[in-house]
Amino acid sequence: MIEYIDIIRTIIISFLITLMLGPIVIPMLRRLNIGQSIREEGPKSHMIKSGTPTMGGLIIIIALLITVFSSGLLNKDMYVLLLSTLGFGLIGFIDDYIKVVKRRNLGLKAYQKLIGQVVLAVILALYQSNTSALGTKLIVPFMKEQYLDLGIFYVPFIAFVVVGTVNSVNLTDGLDGLASGVTLIVLSFFGLISLNWGMDNISIFSAALSGGCLGFLMHNAYPAKVFMGDTGSMALGGAVSAIAILLNLPLIIPIVGGIYFIEALSVIIQVLSFKFTGKRVFLMSPLHHHFEHKGWKETKVVAIFWSITVLLCLIGVFALN
């Protein structure tokens, strides 16, 4: 049985590995000329970031793999968590590679990314529905011991949640330390819940990825020395999704991952508003850029979004008790 000391040890190991990988991987990315392109229509303060090494999500993924495989806690659930993380990370990696190395600005076509994401999401949904004691039932937050049985709608619903979460995390990755910090907090929530529920493999996985995010923050906090790219953001989105689904908690994602949700929602609102009225609701989307255009410093936006996530995760804990 996993104890708190095991979780702390796992976090520290992953953190140190990520910390040590930075000075090795970042110069390598710079030598390969794998630099971030900045949108001209974006905040002018971001233009200085042009050329900053990207695809740094590889650092988190390597640290996760080393930490997880050295833990000895490998079973089907752990392999599914790794499949989701690596699978979505691979889609992001290919997208980054095409954009940065092949110099094709749009990367993978939208339908290509969507097909890959849906396939991985369906695999995850089928696995959980056939192995979970709850089957196609989901735990309902704020309703103790109440379950929502989706039946035949389970697989399409889970696929929608997974694809939506992955792309929402990807949209959140727009400021130094934002996606890595928010995801660190969300993973800490899931690590605590899984530990209390006796889900040892999930708690160790969450701890390993938390340590990776914490270590990556040392390289990614403002001013960032490296960006995680789609490689990292999609991998993190796949991990968060898989953890929530294996815990039968996809309904908790809009709560604890509220920042992901509002970032994606701001983009949807912006697009629909401009399409049907010709007017924009926000100065710029995703939402974090709106606040930058309002005059907020990047560090202020990140700090507030982190704080909101801490509060939402506390609400999430209350929702499950």
Protein backbone atom coordinates (compact mmCIF):
# COMPACT_ATOMS: atom_id res chain seq x y z
CA MET A 1 0.00 0.00 0.00
CA ILE A 2 1.28 3.43 -1.02
CA GLU A 3 1.94 5.93 1.77
CA TYR A 4 2.36 9.71 1.67
CA ILE A 5 6.13 9.28 1.90
CA ASP A 6 6.07 7.25 -1.33
CA ILE A 7 4.20 10.06 -3.07
CA ILE A 8 6.67 12.66 -1.82
CA ARG A 9 9.59 10.48 -2.92
CA THR A 10 8.08 10.06 -6.38
CA ILE A 11 7.51 13.80 -6.78
CA ILE A 12 11.09 14.56 -5.73
CA ILE A 13 12.59 11.98 -8.11
CA SER A 14 10.60 13.24 -11.10
CA PHE A 15 11.33 16.85 -10.14
CA LEU A 16 15.08 16.26 -9.98
CA ILE A 17 15.12 14.35 -13.28
CA THR A 18 13.25 17.19 -15.01
CA LEU A 19 15.53 19.74 -13.41
CA MET A 20 18.63 17.92 -14.67
CA LEU A 21 17.24 17.28 -18.15
CA GLY A 22 16.64 20.98 -18.80
CA PRO A 23 20.30 22.00 -19.26
CA ILE A 24 20.75 19.01 -21.57
CA VAL A 25 17.60 19.18 -23.71
CA ILE A 26 17.16 22.97 -24.01
CA PRO A 27 20.58 23.63 -25.63
CA MET A 28 19.94 20.65 -27.90
CA LEU A 29 16.61 22.14 -29.06
CA ARG A 30 18.36 25.48 -29.60
CA ARG A 31 21.10 23.88 -31.71
CA LEU A 32 18.46 22.14 -33.82
CA ASN A 33 16.82 25.55 -34.32
CA ILE A 34 13.55 24.30 -32.86
CA GLY A 35 12.20 27.72 -31.91
CA GLN A 36 8.71 29.03 -31.26
CA SER A 37 7.04 31.28 -33.84
CA ILE A 38 4.93 34.07 -32.34
CA ARG A 39 1.67 35.19 -33.95
CA GLU A 40 1.88 38.77 -35.20
CA GLU A 41 -1.67 39.45 -34.04
CA GLY A 42 -0.77 38.37 -30.51
CA PRO A 43 0.30 40.65 -27.64
CA LYS A 44 3.28 42.76 -28.73
CA SER A 45 5.10 41.85 -25.49
CA HIS A 46 5.30 38.27 -26.77
CA MET A 47 7.40 39.11 -29.83
CA ILE A 48 10.54 38.95 -27.69
CA LYS A 49 9.77 35.25 -27.14
CA SER A 50 10.20 34.43 -30.82
CA GLY A 51 12.82 31.73 -31.25
CA THR A 52 12.55 30.39 -27.69
CA PRO A 53 13.08 26.60 -27.88
CA THR A 54 9.84 24.63 -27.98
CA MET A 55 8.87 20.92 -27.80
CA GLY A 56 10.16 21.03 -24.22
CA GLY A 57 7.30 18.73 -23.25
CA LEU A 58 9.77 15.95 -24.08
CA ILE A 59 11.50 16.79 -20.79
CA ILE A 60 8.33 16.07 -18.80
CA ILE A 61 7.61 12.88 -20.75
CA ILE A 62 11.12 11.47 -20.26
CA ALA A 63 11.02 12.23 -16.53
CA LEU A 64 7.59 10.60 -16.27
CA LEU A 65 8.74 7.42 -18.01
CA ILE A 66 11.88 7.05 -15.90
CA THR A 67 10.01 7.66 -12.65
CA VAL A 68 7.05 5.40 -13.44
CA PHE A 69 9.10 2.45 -14.70
CA SER A 70 11.44 2.67 -11.72
CA SER A 71 8.47 2.61 -9.33
CA GLY A 72 7.72 -1.05 -10.08
CA LEU A 73 3.98 -0.33 -9.93
CA LEU A 74 3.12 -1.41 -13.44
CA ASN A 75 -0.28 -2.88 -14.28
CA LYS A 76 -2.93 -2.45 -16.97
CA ASP A 77 -4.16 0.87 -15.57
CA MET A 78 -0.64 2.28 -15.54
CA TYR A 79 -0.05 1.20 -19.14
CA VAL A 80 -3.34 2.83 -20.19
CA LEU A 81 -2.31 6.06 -18.45
CA LEU A 82 1.01 5.95 -20.28
CA LEU A 83 -0.70 5.12 -23.58
CA SER A 84 -2.98 8.13 -23.27
CA THR A 85 -0.13 10.46 -22.28
CA LEU A 86 2.30 9.23 -24.93
CA GLY A 87 -0.38 8.85 -27.60
CA PHE A 88 -1.62 12.41 -27.32
CA GLY A 89 1.96 13.59 -26.83
CA LEU A 90 2.89 11.91 -30.12
CA ILE A 91 0.12 13.75 -31.95
CA GLY A 92 1.43 16.99 -30.46
CA PHE A 93 5.01 16.04 -31.34
CA ILE A 94 4.10 15.43 -34.99
CA ASP A 95 2.23 18.74 -35.06
CA ASP A 96 5.22 20.56 -33.54
CA TYR A 97 7.64 18.81 -35.90
CA ILE A 98 5.69 19.86 -38.98
CA LYS A 99 5.33 23.45 -37.77
CA VAL A 100 8.82 24.00 -36.41
CA VAL A 101 11.13 21.65 -38.31
CA LYS A 102 9.29 21.42 -41.65
CA ARG A 103 8.34 25.12 -41.39
CA ARG A 104 4.66 24.49 -42.25
CA ASN A 105 2.88 26.98 -40.01
CA LEU A 106 -0.41 25.13 -39.63
CA GLY A 107 1.14 21.76 -38.68
CA LEU A 108 -1.23 18.82 -38.84
CA LYS A 109 -4.59 19.50 -40.44
CA ALA A 110 -7.46 19.80 -37.94
CA TYR A 111 -9.13 16.61 -39.15
CA GLN A 112 -5.88 14.66 -38.85
CA LYS A 113 -5.45 15.69 -35.22
CA LEU A 114 -9.10 15.00 -34.50
CA ILE A 115 -8.97 11.48 -35.94
CA GLY A 116 -5.96 10.58 -33.81
CA GLN A 117 -7.50 12.10 -30.71
CA VAL A 118 -10.84 10.34 -31.18
CA VAL A 119 -9.16 6.95 -31.72
CA LEU A 120 -7.19 7.29 -28.48
CA ALA A 121 -10.26 8.55 -26.62
CA VAL A 122 -12.40 5.62 -27.79
CA ILE A 123 -9.71 3.13 -26.73
CA LEU A 124 -9.65 4.73 -23.28
CA ALA A 125 -13.46 4.67 -23.03
CA LEU A 126 -13.73 1.03 -24.12
CA TYR A 127 -11.03 -0.03 -21.67
CA GLN A 128 -12.67 1.66 -18.70
CA SER A 129 -16.21 0.53 -19.51
CA ASN A 130 -15.02 -3.09 -19.69
CA THR A 131 -12.71 -3.12 -16.67
CA SER A 132 -14.23 -0.71 -14.14
CA ALA A 133 -16.46 -2.09 -11.39
CA LEU A 134 -18.83 0.77 -12.22
CA GLY A 135 -18.98 -0.12 -15.89
CA THR A 136 -20.63 2.78 -17.71
CA LYS A 137 -21.47 4.67 -14.51
CA LEU A 138 -19.89 7.97 -13.53
CA ILE A 139 -19.48 9.47 -10.08
CA VAL A 140 -21.57 12.63 -9.73
CA PRO A 141 -19.86 15.49 -7.82
CA PHE A 142 -21.75 16.93 -4.82
CA MET A 143 -24.06 13.89 -4.78
CA LYS A 144 -22.60 11.34 -2.37
CA GLU A 145 -22.80 7.76 -3.64
CA GLN A 146 -24.89 8.83 -6.62
CA TYR A 147 -23.97 7.59 -10.09
CA LEU A 148 -24.92 8.52 -13.62
CA ASP A 149 -25.25 5.48 -15.88
CA LEU A 150 -24.67 6.52 -19.49
CA GLY A 151 -25.14 3.06 -20.98
CA ILE A 152 -24.60 3.12 -24.75
CA PHE A 153 -23.76 6.82 -24.59
CA TYR A 154 -20.72 6.18 -22.37
CA VAL A 155 -18.16 5.79 -25.17
CA PRO A 156 -19.18 8.88 -27.20
CA PHE A 157 -19.46 10.96 -24.03
CA ILE A 158 -16.01 9.93 -22.80
CA ALA A 159 -14.56 10.56 -26.26
CA PHE A 160 -16.06 14.06 -26.21
CA VAL A 161 -14.65 14.75 -22.73
CA VAL A 162 -11.18 13.50 -23.61
CA VAL A 163 -10.88 15.38 -26.91
CA GLY A 164 -12.31 18.50 -25.31
CA THR A 165 -9.93 18.33 -22.35
CA VAL A 166 -6.84 17.71 -24.45
CA ASN A 167 -7.56 20.67 -26.72
CA SER A 168 -8.50 22.87 -23.76
CA VAL A 169 -5.14 22.19 -22.08
CA ASN A 170 -3.49 22.97 -25.41
CA LEU A 171 -5.29 26.34 -25.57
CA THR A 172 -4.24 27.12 -21.99
CA ASP A 173 -0.58 26.82 -22.96
CA GLY A 174 -0.09 30.44 -24.00
CA LEU A 175 1.77 32.14 -21.17
CA ASP A 176 5.00 31.25 -19.39
CA GLY A 177 4.21 28.69 -16.69
CA LEU A 178 0.44 28.81 -17.16
CA ALA A 179 -0.39 25.32 -18.45
CA SER A 180 2.35 23.59 -16.45
CA GLY A 181 1.33 25.36 -13.23
CA VAL A 182 -2.41 24.81 -13.61
CA THR A 183 -1.86 21.16 -14.52
CA LEU A 184 0.49 20.68 -11.55
CA ILE A 185 -2.33 21.78 -9.24
CA VAL A 186 -4.93 19.63 -11.00
CA LEU A 187 -2.64 16.58 -10.87
CA SER A 188 -2.04 17.18 -7.16
CA PHE A 189 -5.81 17.05 -6.66
CA PHE A 190 -6.12 13.75 -8.53
CA GLY A 191 -3.07 12.36 -6.73
CA LEU A 192 -4.65 13.11 -3.35
CA ILE A 193 -8.02 11.63 -4.32
CA SER A 194 -6.53 8.45 -5.81
CA LEU A 195 -4.30 7.98 -2.75
CA ASN A 196 -7.27 8.29 -0.38
CA TRP A 197 -9.25 5.85 -2.54
CA GLY A 198 -6.45 3.28 -2.52
CA MET A 199 -5.71 3.65 -6.26
CA ASP A 200 -1.94 3.25 -5.84
CA ASN A 201 -0.97 3.20 -9.51
CA ILE A 202 -2.92 6.34 -10.33
CA SER A 203 -1.54 8.18 -7.29
CA ILE A 204 2.05 7.30 -8.25
CA PHE A 205 1.43 8.29 -11.87
CA SER A 206 -0.10 11.60 -10.77
CA ALA A 207 2.82 12.23 -8.41
CA ALA A 208 5.39 11.46 -11.11
CA LEU A 209 3.72 13.83 -13.56
CA SER A 210 3.28 16.47 -10.83
CA GLY A 211 7.01 16.34 -10.14
CA GLY A 212 7.67 16.64 -13.86
CA CYS A 213 5.46 19.73 -14.13
CA LEU A 214 7.11 21.27 -11.06
CA GLY A 215 10.58 20.68 -12.48
CA PHE A 216 9.52 21.99 -15.88
CA LEU A 217 8.29 25.18 -14.21
CA MET A 218 11.88 25.88 -13.23
CA HIS A 219 12.61 26.18 -16.96
CA ASN A 220 9.22 27.46 -18.12
CA ALA A 221 8.32 30.12 -15.54
CA TYR A 222 8.60 33.73 -16.69
CA PRO A 223 10.81 34.46 -18.54
CA ALA A 224 10.62 30.99 -20.09
CA LYS A 225 13.79 29.32 -21.29
CA VAL A 226 11.70 26.71 -23.11
CA PHE A 227 8.08 26.09 -24.12
CA MET A 228 6.39 22.72 -23.82
CA GLY A 229 4.78 22.98 -27.26
CA ASP A 230 1.89 20.80 -28.39
CA THR A 231 4.12 17.85 -27.46
CA GLY A 232 3.76 18.74 -23.80
CA SER A 233 0.31 20.31 -23.65
CA MET A 234 -1.40 17.44 -25.46
CA ALA A 235 0.48 14.88 -23.37
CA LEU A 236 -0.68 16.64 -20.19
CA GLY A 237 -4.24 16.82 -21.52
CA GLY A 238 -4.17 13.11 -22.30
CA ALA A 239 -2.85 12.34 -18.83
CA VAL A 240 -5.44 14.46 -16.99
CA SER A 241 -8.23 12.92 -19.08
CA ALA A 242 -7.07 9.36 -18.50
CA ILE A 243 -6.69 9.84 -14.75
CA ALA A 244 -10.18 11.32 -14.46
CA ILE A 245 -11.72 8.51 -16.50
CA LEU A 246 -9.96 5.71 -14.60
CA LEU A 247 -11.26 7.28 -11.38
CA ASN A 248 -14.74 7.50 -12.96
CA LEU A 249 -14.54 11.25 -12.42
CA PRO A 250 -14.82 12.91 -15.86
CA LEU A 251 -17.62 15.08 -14.45
CA ILE A 252 -15.12 16.69 -12.06
CA ILE A 253 -12.94 18.03 -14.89
CA PRO A 254 -15.04 21.19 -15.53
CA ILE A 255 -14.70 21.96 -11.82
CA VAL A 256 -11.03 21.35 -11.00
CA GLY A 257 -10.00 22.08 -14.58
CA GLY A 258 -12.16 25.19 -14.71
CA ILE A 259 -9.32 27.25 -16.19
CA TYR A 260 -9.08 24.80 -19.10
CA PHE A 261 -12.84 25.07 -19.53
CA ILE A 262 -13.05 28.87 -19.59
CA GLU A 263 -10.03 29.14 -21.90
CA ALA A 264 -11.72 26.87 -24.46
CA LEU A 265 -15.11 28.53 -23.92
CA SER A 266 -13.60 31.97 -24.58
CA VAL A 267 -12.35 30.77 -27.97
CA ILE A 268 -15.73 29.26 -28.88
CA ILE A 269 -17.58 32.43 -27.84
CA GLN A 270 -15.12 34.61 -29.76
CA VAL A 271 -15.44 32.59 -32.96
CA LEU A 272 -19.25 32.33 -32.85
CA SER A 273 -19.70 35.99 -31.95
CA PHE A 274 -17.50 37.17 -34.82
CA LYS A 275 -19.13 34.77 -37.26
CA PHE A 276 -22.73 35.74 -36.49
CA THR A 277 -22.41 39.39 -35.41
CA GLY A 278 -19.07 40.52 -36.82
CA LYS A 279 -18.07 41.64 -33.31
CA ARG A 280 -15.63 40.18 -30.83
CA VAL A 281 -16.55 39.63 -27.18
CA PHE A 282 -12.94 39.54 -25.97
CA LEU A 283 -10.03 41.74 -26.95
CA MET A 284 -8.30 38.49 -27.87
CA SER A 285 -8.81 34.81 -27.16
CA PRO A 286 -7.97 32.53 -25.38
CA LEU A 287 -8.95 34.40 -22.24
CA HIS A 288 -5.43 34.88 -20.88
CA HIS A 289 -4.60 37.11 -23.86
CA HIS A 290 -7.71 39.21 -23.21
CA PHE A 291 -6.36 40.17 -19.80
CA GLU A 292 -2.95 40.94 -21.29
CA HIS A 293 -4.61 43.34 -23.71
CA LYS A 294 -6.39 44.88 -20.72
CA GLY A 295 -2.95 45.80 -19.39
CA TRP A 296 -2.32 42.95 -16.95
CA LYS A 297 1.24 41.71 -16.72
CA GLU A 298 1.78 38.14 -17.86
CA THR A 299 2.93 37.09 -14.40
CA LYS A 300 -0.25 38.54 -12.85
CA VAL A 301 -2.51 36.57 -15.20
CA VAL A 302 -0.61 33.36 -14.46
CA ALA A 303 -0.66 33.90 -10.68
CA ILE A 304 -4.40 34.60 -10.66
CA PHE A 305 -5.20 31.59 -12.86
CA TRP A 306 -3.08 29.39 -10.56
CA SER A 307 -4.92 30.76 -7.52
CA ILE A 308 -8.30 30.13 -9.12
CA THR A 309 -7.25 26.54 -9.86
CA VAL A 310 -6.26 25.98 -6.22
CA LEU A 311 -9.68 27.24 -5.15
CA LEU A 312 -11.46 25.06 -7.73
CA CYS A 313 -9.54 21.99 -6.57
CA LEU A 314 -10.57 22.68 -2.98
CA ILE A 315 -14.16 22.83 -4.21
CA GLY A 316 -13.48 19.53 -6.00
CA VAL A 317 -12.38 17.91 -2.73
CA PHE A 318 -15.57 19.17 -1.07
CA ALA A 319 -17.61 17.87 -4.03
CA LEU A 320 -16.40 14.31 -3.40
CA ASN A 321 -16.97 14.23 0.37
